[in-house]
């Protein structure tokens, strides 16, 4: 079974069930699609050239999480924003770490992006540790940066460039 899968309508019910059982894990950090209509709209948005989507799967093929790259700008910028969330009961088992690592390889190699930014609420320790471990660096703090769950929330901006990613992949023990 592949670690990453392209999101599609065929796993709608499985995805919605995973979101439902993961509500406590996600709140207040993320609000994934919770209805059939919202899910279908999210899958449709992934067809835009400014977005990429990935599902992280377990060895048994169960959905362990979701990763999106949004607001991709090409040309001299070649950058995008990464968002992600895990699903219960697979959170805390390394799936998102392996999944996001594979996504970084894909976006920097195949899609030729130069930079990714992750915007993380300061209290989301697990998310901050995930990106830090994968080589993202803290660039700054933005008060009331993104509207999440109907509220403007503060965020830390973490980023990594293709050069930083390649360099760390060459380091022994990485």
Foldseek 3Di string as FASTA:
>chain_A
DDQKDFDDPVCLVLVLVQCVQCVVVCPPWADQDNDSVSSVVVSVVCVDPQKGKIFGADPVGRTFKIKMWGRQDDDPQLETEIDMDTTPPNPPVCSVLVVVLVVLCCCCPVVVRFKYKYWGAPVPVVVVVSVVVQQWDWDAKDALDDQTPNGRGITIITMDTSVRNVVVVPDPPD
